[in-house]
């Protein structure tokens, strides 16, 4: 019998590190004040989509991005050409709504691919207890830009490999 090196599994789920840079309070010294960041690592289980699903997701993202760029361009043009405060405020509200829609879409995509938390995942609740996986937890994490961006980086790293290492 041949030795198996790789098992072709329909549901490939991998544990991935999520490296988050958390802002700390500013430090002051004799020179200029300095904003510091602390690096924190958590772990999530990411479902790796097959090629067909990945292409479908990428096509949907491309179409959505094109529509969003067109809507943002229209709203920004309306804001810049507004002749009164009410029109300008309405255009700014449209821009804000479009940006929120983008954030929500990114969160929904992460919820579709982040499917669990491994043991010792490193995410805690305010009371000190270990967080339990749920789509609500992913939404809560994604409300912070630096965490949402770190989750995206981890997801893209799982899909594309590490470009620095030539994977």
N, C-alpha and C. Protein backbone atom coordinates (compact mmCIF):
# COMPACT_ATOMS: atom_id res chain seq x y z
N UNK A 1 0.84 -1.18 0.00
CA UNK A 1 0.00 0.00 0.00
C UNK A 1 0.88 1.24 0.00
N UNK A 2 0.48 2.23 -0.80
CA UNK A 2 1.26 3.46 -0.93
C UNK A 2 1.04 4.36 0.28
N UNK A 3 2.08 5.07 0.63
CA UNK A 3 1.98 6.03 1.73
C UNK A 3 1.27 7.28 1.21
N UNK A 4 0.26 7.75 1.94
CA UNK A 4 -0.52 8.92 1.55
C UNK A 4 0.15 10.17 2.11
N UNK A 5 0.40 11.14 1.24
CA UNK A 5 1.01 12.40 1.67
C UNK A 5 -0.02 13.50 1.86
N UNK A 6 -1.13 13.41 1.13
CA UNK A 6 -2.14 14.46 1.20
C UNK A 6 -3.50 13.81 1.02
N UNK A 7 -4.42 14.12 1.90
CA UNK A 7 -5.78 13.60 1.81
C UNK A 7 -6.64 14.67 1.17
N UNK A 8 -7.26 14.32 0.05
CA UNK A 8 -8.12 15.26 -0.67
C UNK A 8 -9.44 15.34 0.07
N UNK A 9 -9.62 16.41 0.82
CA UNK A 9 -10.80 16.60 1.66
C UNK A 9 -11.65 17.69 1.06
N UNK A 10 -12.98 17.46 0.99
CA UNK A 10 -13.88 18.47 0.44
C UNK A 10 -13.96 19.71 1.32
N UNK A 11 -13.76 19.53 2.61
CA UNK A 11 -13.82 20.65 3.54
C UNK A 11 -12.44 20.85 4.17
N UNK A 12 -11.62 21.64 3.50
CA UNK A 12 -10.29 21.92 4.01
C UNK A 12 -10.39 23.12 4.95
N UNK A 13 -10.13 22.87 6.23
CA UNK A 13 -10.15 23.92 7.24
C UNK A 13 -8.77 23.96 7.87
N UNK A 14 -8.20 25.15 7.94
CA UNK A 14 -6.88 25.31 8.53
C UNK A 14 -6.93 26.35 9.65
N UNK A 15 -6.06 26.17 10.61
CA UNK A 15 -5.92 27.16 11.67
C UNK A 15 -4.89 28.18 11.22
N UNK A 16 -5.26 29.44 11.31
CA UNK A 16 -4.38 30.50 10.83
C UNK A 16 -4.13 31.54 11.93
N UNK A 17 -2.91 32.05 11.99
CA UNK A 17 -2.63 33.13 12.94
C UNK A 17 -3.16 34.46 12.39
N UNK A 18 -3.70 35.25 13.28
CA UNK A 18 -4.17 36.59 12.92
C UNK A 18 -3.33 37.56 13.75
N UNK A 19 -2.47 38.30 13.07
CA UNK A 19 -1.56 39.22 13.75
C UNK A 19 -2.18 40.61 13.77
N UNK A 20 -2.53 41.06 14.97
CA UNK A 20 -3.23 42.33 15.15
C UNK A 20 -2.27 43.33 15.79
N UNK A 21 -2.24 44.52 15.22
CA UNK A 21 -1.49 45.61 15.84
C UNK A 21 -2.49 46.48 16.59
N UNK A 22 -2.44 46.43 17.90
CA UNK A 22 -3.39 47.13 18.75
C UNK A 22 -2.79 48.45 19.19
N UNK A 23 -3.51 49.56 18.96
CA UNK A 23 -2.97 50.85 19.39
C UNK A 23 -2.91 50.95 20.92
N UNK A 24 -1.85 51.58 21.41
CA UNK A 24 -1.70 51.85 22.84
C UNK A 24 -1.77 53.35 23.04
N UNK A 25 -1.91 53.76 24.26
CA UNK A 25 -1.95 55.19 24.56
C UNK A 25 -0.62 55.83 24.17
N UNK A 26 -0.71 57.08 23.81
CA UNK A 26 0.46 57.83 23.38
C UNK A 26 1.47 57.93 24.53
N UNK A 27 2.75 57.87 24.17
CA UNK A 27 3.79 58.06 25.17
C UNK A 27 4.43 59.41 24.93
N UNK A 28 4.74 60.08 26.00
CA UNK A 28 5.36 61.40 25.87
C UNK A 28 6.76 61.32 26.47
N UNK A 29 7.61 62.10 25.91
CA UNK A 29 8.99 62.17 26.41
C UNK A 29 9.47 63.60 26.21
N UNK A 30 10.74 63.79 26.37
CA UNK A 30 11.31 65.13 26.19
C UNK A 30 11.19 65.57 24.73
N UNK A 31 11.08 64.61 23.84
CA UNK A 31 10.93 64.95 22.42
C UNK A 31 9.44 64.95 22.07
N UNK A 32 9.11 64.50 20.91
CA UNK A 32 7.71 64.53 20.46
C UNK A 32 6.92 63.35 21.04
N UNK A 33 5.61 63.53 21.20
CA UNK A 33 4.77 62.40 21.63
C UNK A 33 4.81 61.30 20.57
N UNK A 34 4.61 60.06 21.01
CA UNK A 34 4.73 58.93 20.09
C UNK A 34 3.57 57.96 20.30
N UNK A 35 2.92 57.59 19.20
CA UNK A 35 1.85 56.60 19.25
C UNK A 35 2.49 55.21 19.14
N UNK A 36 2.19 54.36 20.08
CA UNK A 36 2.77 53.01 20.08
C UNK A 36 1.70 51.98 19.73
N UNK A 37 2.14 50.83 19.27
CA UNK A 37 1.26 49.72 18.95
C UNK A 37 1.82 48.46 19.58
N UNK A 38 0.92 47.60 20.02
CA UNK A 38 1.32 46.29 20.54
C UNK A 38 0.84 45.23 19.56
N UNK A 39 1.69 44.28 19.27
CA UNK A 39 1.31 43.18 18.38
C UNK A 39 0.71 42.07 19.21
N UNK A 40 -0.47 41.63 18.80
CA UNK A 40 -1.17 40.53 19.46
C UNK A 40 -1.49 39.48 18.40
N UNK A 41 -1.49 38.23 18.79
CA UNK A 41 -1.83 37.16 17.86
C UNK A 41 -2.98 36.34 18.41
N UNK A 42 -3.99 36.16 17.58
CA UNK A 42 -5.08 35.25 17.88
C UNK A 42 -5.10 34.20 16.77
N UNK A 43 -5.91 33.17 16.94
CA UNK A 43 -5.98 32.11 15.94
C UNK A 43 -7.43 31.85 15.58
N UNK A 44 -7.68 31.62 14.30
CA UNK A 44 -9.02 31.29 13.82
C UNK A 44 -8.92 30.11 12.86
N UNK A 45 -10.02 29.38 12.73
CA UNK A 45 -10.10 28.30 11.75
C UNK A 45 -10.75 28.85 10.49
N UNK A 46 -10.05 28.72 9.38
CA UNK A 46 -10.51 29.27 8.10
C UNK A 46 -10.81 28.12 7.14
N UNK A 47 -12.00 28.16 6.56
CA UNK A 47 -12.37 27.19 5.53
C UNK A 47 -11.79 27.65 4.22
N UNK A 48 -11.02 26.79 3.58
CA UNK A 48 -10.39 27.13 2.31
C UNK A 48 -11.36 26.74 1.19
N UNK A 49 -11.83 27.73 0.43
CA UNK A 49 -12.79 27.40 -0.64
C UNK A 49 -12.09 26.69 -1.80
N UNK A 50 -12.87 25.86 -2.50
CA UNK A 50 -12.30 25.25 -3.71
C UNK A 50 -12.23 26.30 -4.81
N UNK A 51 -11.60 25.96 -5.90
CA UNK A 51 -11.33 26.94 -6.97
C UNK A 51 -12.61 27.54 -7.55
N UNK A 52 -13.65 26.71 -7.75
CA UNK A 52 -14.90 27.22 -8.32
C UNK A 52 -15.55 28.25 -7.40
N UNK A 53 -15.61 27.92 -6.11
CA UNK A 53 -16.21 28.87 -5.15
C UNK A 53 -15.37 30.13 -5.06
N UNK A 54 -14.06 29.98 -5.07
CA UNK A 54 -13.18 31.14 -4.99
C UNK A 54 -13.37 32.05 -6.20
N UNK A 55 -13.47 31.48 -7.40
CA UNK A 55 -13.69 32.30 -8.60
C UNK A 55 -15.04 33.00 -8.54
N UNK A 56 -16.05 32.32 -8.02
CA UNK A 56 -17.38 32.93 -7.87
C UNK A 56 -17.32 34.11 -6.90
N UNK A 57 -16.65 33.90 -5.79
CA UNK A 57 -16.51 34.97 -4.80
C UNK A 57 -15.74 36.15 -5.39
N UNK A 58 -14.64 35.86 -6.09
CA UNK A 58 -13.84 36.93 -6.68
C UNK A 58 -14.63 37.70 -7.74
N UNK A 59 -15.42 37.00 -8.55
CA UNK A 59 -16.26 37.67 -9.55
C UNK A 59 -17.30 38.57 -8.88
N UNK A 60 -17.92 38.05 -7.81
CA UNK A 60 -18.92 38.84 -7.09
C UNK A 60 -18.27 40.08 -6.47
N UNK A 61 -17.09 39.90 -5.89
CA UNK A 61 -16.38 41.04 -5.29
C UNK A 61 -16.05 42.08 -6.36
N UNK A 62 -15.57 41.61 -7.51
CA UNK A 62 -15.22 42.54 -8.60
C UNK A 62 -16.45 43.32 -9.04
N UNK A 63 -17.58 42.63 -9.25
CA UNK A 63 -18.81 43.33 -9.67
C UNK A 63 -19.28 44.31 -8.59
N UNK A 64 -19.24 43.85 -7.33
CA UNK A 64 -19.65 44.73 -6.23
C UNK A 64 -18.73 45.95 -6.13
N UNK A 65 -17.43 45.73 -6.29
CA UNK A 65 -16.48 46.85 -6.22
C UNK A 65 -16.72 47.87 -7.33
N UNK A 66 -17.01 47.39 -8.53
CA UNK A 66 -17.30 48.30 -9.64
C UNK A 66 -18.54 49.13 -9.35
N UNK A 67 -19.57 48.48 -8.80
CA UNK A 67 -20.80 49.21 -8.47
C UNK A 67 -20.55 50.22 -7.35
N UNK A 68 -19.76 49.82 -6.37
CA UNK A 68 -19.46 50.71 -5.25
C UNK A 68 -18.64 51.91 -5.71
N UNK A 69 -17.65 51.68 -6.56
CA UNK A 69 -16.84 52.79 -7.08
C UNK A 69 -17.71 53.77 -7.85
N UNK A 70 -18.63 53.26 -8.66
CA UNK A 70 -19.53 54.14 -9.40
C UNK A 70 -20.43 54.94 -8.45
N UNK A 71 -20.98 54.26 -7.44
CA UNK A 71 -21.85 54.94 -6.47
C UNK A 71 -21.07 55.97 -5.66
N UNK A 72 -19.84 55.63 -5.25
CA UNK A 72 -19.02 56.59 -4.50
C UNK A 72 -18.65 57.79 -5.36
N UNK A 73 -18.34 57.55 -6.61
CA UNK A 73 -18.01 58.65 -7.52
C UNK A 73 -19.19 59.58 -7.67
N UNK A 74 -20.39 59.02 -7.86
CA UNK A 74 -21.60 59.84 -7.98
C UNK A 74 -21.84 60.65 -6.70
N UNK A 75 -21.71 59.98 -5.55
CA UNK A 75 -21.96 60.66 -4.28
C UNK A 75 -20.93 61.75 -4.03
N UNK A 76 -19.66 61.47 -4.33
CA UNK A 76 -18.61 62.48 -4.15
C UNK A 76 -18.82 63.66 -5.09
N UNK A 77 -19.22 63.39 -6.32
CA UNK A 77 -19.51 64.47 -7.27
C UNK A 77 -20.66 65.31 -6.77
N UNK A 78 -21.69 64.65 -6.27
CA UNK A 78 -22.85 65.37 -5.73
C UNK A 78 -22.44 66.23 -4.53
N UNK A 79 -21.56 65.69 -3.70
CA UNK A 79 -21.10 66.45 -2.53
C UNK A 79 -20.29 67.67 -2.95
N UNK A 80 -19.40 67.49 -3.93
CA UNK A 80 -18.54 68.59 -4.37
C UNK A 80 -19.31 69.66 -5.14
N UNK A 81 -20.38 69.27 -5.81
CA UNK A 81 -21.13 70.23 -6.62
C UNK A 81 -22.39 70.72 -5.91
N UNK A 82 -22.57 70.32 -4.65
CA UNK A 82 -23.76 70.74 -3.91
C UNK A 82 -23.81 72.25 -3.79
N UNK A 83 -24.99 72.79 -4.01
CA UNK A 83 -25.15 74.24 -3.95
C UNK A 83 -25.64 74.72 -2.59
N UNK A 84 -26.10 73.80 -1.76
CA UNK A 84 -26.54 74.21 -0.42
C UNK A 84 -26.14 73.14 0.60
N UNK A 85 -26.29 73.50 1.86
CA UNK A 85 -25.87 72.59 2.93
C UNK A 85 -26.68 71.30 2.95
N UNK A 86 -27.98 71.37 2.68
CA UNK A 86 -28.81 70.17 2.71
C UNK A 86 -28.36 69.16 1.66
N UNK A 87 -28.06 69.63 0.45
CA UNK A 87 -27.60 68.73 -0.61
C UNK A 87 -26.24 68.14 -0.27
N UNK A 88 -25.36 68.96 0.30
CA UNK A 88 -24.04 68.47 0.70
C UNK A 88 -24.15 67.43 1.80
N UNK A 89 -25.00 67.68 2.79
CA UNK A 89 -25.18 66.71 3.88
C UNK A 89 -25.80 65.41 3.38
N UNK A 90 -26.73 65.51 2.44
CA UNK A 90 -27.33 64.31 1.87
C UNK A 90 -26.30 63.48 1.11
N UNK A 91 -25.43 64.15 0.36
CA UNK A 91 -24.38 63.45 -0.38
C UNK A 91 -23.38 62.81 0.59
N UNK A 92 -23.03 63.51 1.67
CA UNK A 92 -22.12 62.95 2.66
C UNK A 92 -22.75 61.73 3.34
N UNK A 93 -24.05 61.78 3.58
CA UNK A 93 -24.75 60.64 4.16
C UNK A 93 -24.71 59.44 3.21
N UNK A 94 -24.84 59.71 1.90
CA UNK A 94 -24.75 58.61 0.91
C UNK A 94 -23.36 58.00 0.93
N UNK A 95 -22.32 58.83 1.00
CA UNK A 95 -20.94 58.32 1.05
C UNK A 95 -20.76 57.45 2.30
N UNK A 96 -21.24 57.92 3.44
CA UNK A 96 -21.12 57.15 4.68
C UNK A 96 -21.86 55.81 4.58
N UNK A 97 -23.05 55.83 3.98
CA UNK A 97 -23.83 54.60 3.82
C UNK A 97 -23.12 53.61 2.91
N UNK A 98 -22.50 54.10 1.86
CA UNK A 98 -21.77 53.22 0.94
C UNK A 98 -20.57 52.59 1.65
N UNK A 99 -19.87 53.37 2.43
CA UNK A 99 -18.71 52.85 3.17
C UNK A 99 -19.14 51.79 4.19
N UNK A 100 -20.28 52.02 4.85
CA UNK A 100 -20.80 51.04 5.80
C UNK A 100 -21.19 49.76 5.07
N UNK A 101 -21.77 49.89 3.89
CA UNK A 101 -22.13 48.72 3.10
C UNK A 101 -20.88 47.90 2.76
N UNK A 102 -19.79 48.58 2.43
CA UNK A 102 -18.53 47.89 2.15
C UNK A 102 -18.02 47.12 3.37
N UNK A 103 -18.06 47.77 4.53
CA UNK A 103 -17.62 47.10 5.76
C UNK A 103 -18.49 45.89 6.05
N UNK A 104 -19.79 46.05 5.88
CA UNK A 104 -20.71 44.94 6.14
C UNK A 104 -20.46 43.78 5.18
N UNK A 105 -20.18 44.08 3.92
CA UNK A 105 -19.90 43.03 2.94
C UNK A 105 -18.62 42.29 3.30
N UNK A 106 -17.60 43.02 3.73
CA UNK A 106 -16.34 42.37 4.14
C UNK A 106 -16.57 41.46 5.33
N UNK A 107 -17.37 41.93 6.28
CA UNK A 107 -17.68 41.12 7.46
C UNK A 107 -18.43 39.85 7.07
N UNK A 108 -19.41 39.98 6.17
CA UNK A 108 -20.17 38.80 5.73
C UNK A 108 -19.25 37.79 5.05
N UNK A 109 -18.31 38.25 4.27
CA UNK A 109 -17.39 37.32 3.62
C UNK A 109 -16.51 36.62 4.65
N UNK A 110 -16.02 37.36 5.62
CA UNK A 110 -15.21 36.73 6.66
C UNK A 110 -16.04 35.71 7.45
N UNK A 111 -17.29 36.03 7.72
CA UNK A 111 -18.16 35.09 8.43
C UNK A 111 -18.36 33.80 7.63
N UNK A 112 -18.32 33.89 6.31
CA UNK A 112 -18.50 32.70 5.47
C UNK A 112 -17.27 31.80 5.49
N UNK A 113 -16.09 32.36 5.78
CA UNK A 113 -14.87 31.57 5.70
C UNK A 113 -14.22 31.30 7.05
N UNK A 114 -14.48 32.12 8.05
CA UNK A 114 -13.98 31.83 9.40
C UNK A 114 -15.03 30.96 10.06
N UNK A 115 -14.68 29.70 10.28
CA UNK A 115 -15.69 28.73 10.68
C UNK A 115 -15.53 28.22 12.11
N UNK A 116 -14.53 28.68 12.81
CA UNK A 116 -14.36 28.22 14.18
C UNK A 116 -13.14 28.83 14.83
N UNK A 117 -12.94 28.43 16.07
CA UNK A 117 -11.77 28.85 16.84
C UNK A 117 -11.09 27.61 17.39
N UNK A 118 -9.78 27.50 17.24
CA UNK A 118 -9.08 26.34 17.80
C UNK A 118 -8.92 26.51 19.31
N UNK A 119 -8.46 25.44 19.96
CA UNK A 119 -8.11 25.56 21.38
C UNK A 119 -7.03 26.63 21.52
N UNK A 120 -7.05 27.33 22.62
CA UNK A 120 -6.06 28.39 22.89
C UNK A 120 -6.04 29.45 21.80
N UNK A 121 -7.20 29.87 21.34
CA UNK A 121 -7.29 30.85 20.25
C UNK A 121 -6.89 32.25 20.67
N UNK A 122 -6.95 32.56 21.94
CA UNK A 122 -6.46 33.85 22.41
C UNK A 122 -7.47 34.99 22.42
N UNK A 123 -8.74 34.70 22.19
CA UNK A 123 -9.76 35.75 22.21
C UNK A 123 -10.53 35.63 23.51
N UNK A 124 -10.54 36.70 24.28
CA UNK A 124 -11.23 36.68 25.56
C UNK A 124 -12.36 37.70 25.61
N UNK A 125 -13.31 37.43 26.46
CA UNK A 125 -14.40 38.37 26.72
C UNK A 125 -13.96 39.35 27.81
N UNK A 126 -14.74 40.39 28.01
CA UNK A 126 -14.38 41.40 29.01
C UNK A 126 -14.31 40.83 30.42
N UNK A 127 -15.10 39.79 30.70
CA UNK A 127 -15.09 39.21 32.04
C UNK A 127 -13.92 38.25 32.25
N UNK A 128 -13.05 38.10 31.23
CA UNK A 128 -11.88 37.25 31.35
C UNK A 128 -12.09 35.83 30.84
N UNK A 129 -13.31 35.48 30.49
CA UNK A 129 -13.58 34.13 29.98
C UNK A 129 -13.15 34.04 28.52
N UNK A 130 -12.90 32.81 28.08
CA UNK A 130 -12.52 32.56 26.70
C UNK A 130 -13.75 32.74 25.81
N UNK A 131 -13.59 33.47 24.72
CA UNK A 131 -14.70 33.70 23.79
C UNK A 131 -15.09 32.39 23.11
N UNK A 132 -16.37 32.29 22.79
CA UNK A 132 -16.90 31.11 22.10
C UNK A 132 -17.22 31.52 20.67
N UNK A 133 -16.86 30.65 19.71
CA UNK A 133 -17.09 30.99 18.31
C UNK A 133 -18.57 31.15 18.01
N UNK A 134 -18.88 32.19 17.26
CA UNK A 134 -20.20 32.40 16.68
C UNK A 134 -20.01 33.45 15.58
N UNK A 135 -20.98 33.52 14.68
CA UNK A 135 -20.89 34.56 13.66
C UNK A 135 -21.01 35.94 14.31
N UNK A 136 -21.71 36.01 15.44
CA UNK A 136 -21.79 37.28 16.17
C UNK A 136 -20.41 37.71 16.67
N UNK A 137 -19.59 36.74 17.11
CA UNK A 137 -18.23 37.07 17.55
C UNK A 137 -17.43 37.64 16.39
N UNK A 138 -17.56 37.06 15.20
CA UNK A 138 -16.83 37.57 14.04
C UNK A 138 -17.30 39.01 13.74
N UNK A 139 -18.60 39.26 13.83
CA UNK A 139 -19.11 40.63 13.64
C UNK A 139 -18.51 41.58 14.67
N UNK A 140 -18.46 41.15 15.92
CA UNK A 140 -17.90 42.00 16.98
C UNK A 140 -16.44 42.30 16.70
N UNK A 141 -15.67 41.30 16.27
CA UNK A 141 -14.26 41.51 15.96
C UNK A 141 -14.11 42.48 14.78
N UNK A 142 -14.98 42.33 13.78
CA UNK A 142 -14.88 43.15 12.57
C UNK A 142 -15.29 44.61 12.78
N UNK A 143 -15.85 44.93 13.92
CA UNK A 143 -16.22 46.33 14.19
C UNK A 143 -14.99 47.20 14.45
N UNK A 144 -13.86 46.54 14.67
CA UNK A 144 -12.60 47.26 14.85
C UNK A 144 -11.79 47.12 13.56
N UNK A 145 -11.45 48.24 12.96
CA UNK A 145 -10.76 48.22 11.67
C UNK A 145 -9.46 47.42 11.71
N UNK A 146 -8.66 47.62 12.75
CA UNK A 146 -7.37 46.92 12.80
C UNK A 146 -7.56 45.40 12.92
N UNK A 147 -8.62 44.96 13.57
CA UNK A 147 -8.88 43.51 13.66
C UNK A 147 -9.44 43.00 12.33
N UNK A 148 -10.38 43.73 11.74
CA UNK A 148 -10.95 43.32 10.45
C UNK A 148 -9.84 43.20 9.39
N UNK A 149 -8.94 44.18 9.35
CA UNK A 149 -7.83 44.12 8.39
C UNK A 149 -6.92 42.92 8.67
N UNK A 150 -6.66 42.63 9.94
CA UNK A 150 -5.81 41.49 10.29
C UNK A 150 -6.48 40.17 9.91
N UNK A 151 -7.81 40.08 10.09
CA UNK A 151 -8.54 38.88 9.68
C UNK A 151 -8.45 38.69 8.17
N UNK A 152 -8.60 39.80 7.42
CA UNK A 152 -8.47 39.72 5.96
C UNK A 152 -7.08 39.27 5.55
N UNK A 153 -6.06 39.82 6.20
CA UNK A 153 -4.68 39.43 5.89
C UNK A 153 -4.48 37.94 6.13
N UNK A 154 -5.03 37.43 7.23
CA UNK A 154 -4.91 36.00 7.53
C UNK A 154 -5.62 35.17 6.47
N UNK A 155 -6.82 35.58 6.09
CA UNK A 155 -7.59 34.86 5.07
C UNK A 155 -6.83 34.85 3.74
N UNK A 156 -6.33 36.02 3.33
CA UNK A 156 -5.59 36.09 2.07
C UNK A 156 -4.28 35.29 2.14
N UNK A 157 -3.66 35.27 3.31
CA UNK A 157 -2.46 34.46 3.48
C UNK A 157 -2.74 32.98 3.31
N UNK A 158 -3.87 32.52 3.82
CA UNK A 158 -4.25 31.12 3.66
C UNK A 158 -4.51 30.81 2.18
N UNK A 159 -5.17 31.73 1.48
CA UNK A 159 -5.48 31.50 0.07
C UNK A 159 -4.26 31.59 -0.83
N UNK A 160 -3.39 32.55 -0.58
CA UNK A 160 -2.31 32.87 -1.52
C UNK A 160 -0.93 32.44 -1.08
N UNK A 161 -0.79 31.99 0.15
CA UNK A 161 0.53 31.65 0.64
C UNK A 161 1.26 32.90 1.12
N UNK A 162 2.48 32.75 1.48
CA UNK A 162 3.29 33.86 1.96
C UNK A 162 4.18 34.33 0.82
N UNK A 163 3.88 35.51 0.23
CA UNK A 163 4.67 35.97 -0.91
C UNK A 163 6.14 36.20 -0.56
N UNK A 164 6.45 36.46 0.70
CA UNK A 164 7.84 36.70 1.08
C UNK A 164 8.67 35.41 1.02
N UNK A 165 7.98 34.28 1.12
CA UNK A 165 8.69 33.00 1.12
C UNK A 165 8.57 32.29 -0.22
N UNK A 166 7.87 32.89 -1.18
CA UNK A 166 7.76 32.31 -2.49
C UNK A 166 6.75 31.18 -2.61
N UNK A 167 5.79 31.11 -1.69
CA UNK A 167 4.77 30.05 -1.74
C UNK A 167 3.76 30.33 -2.84
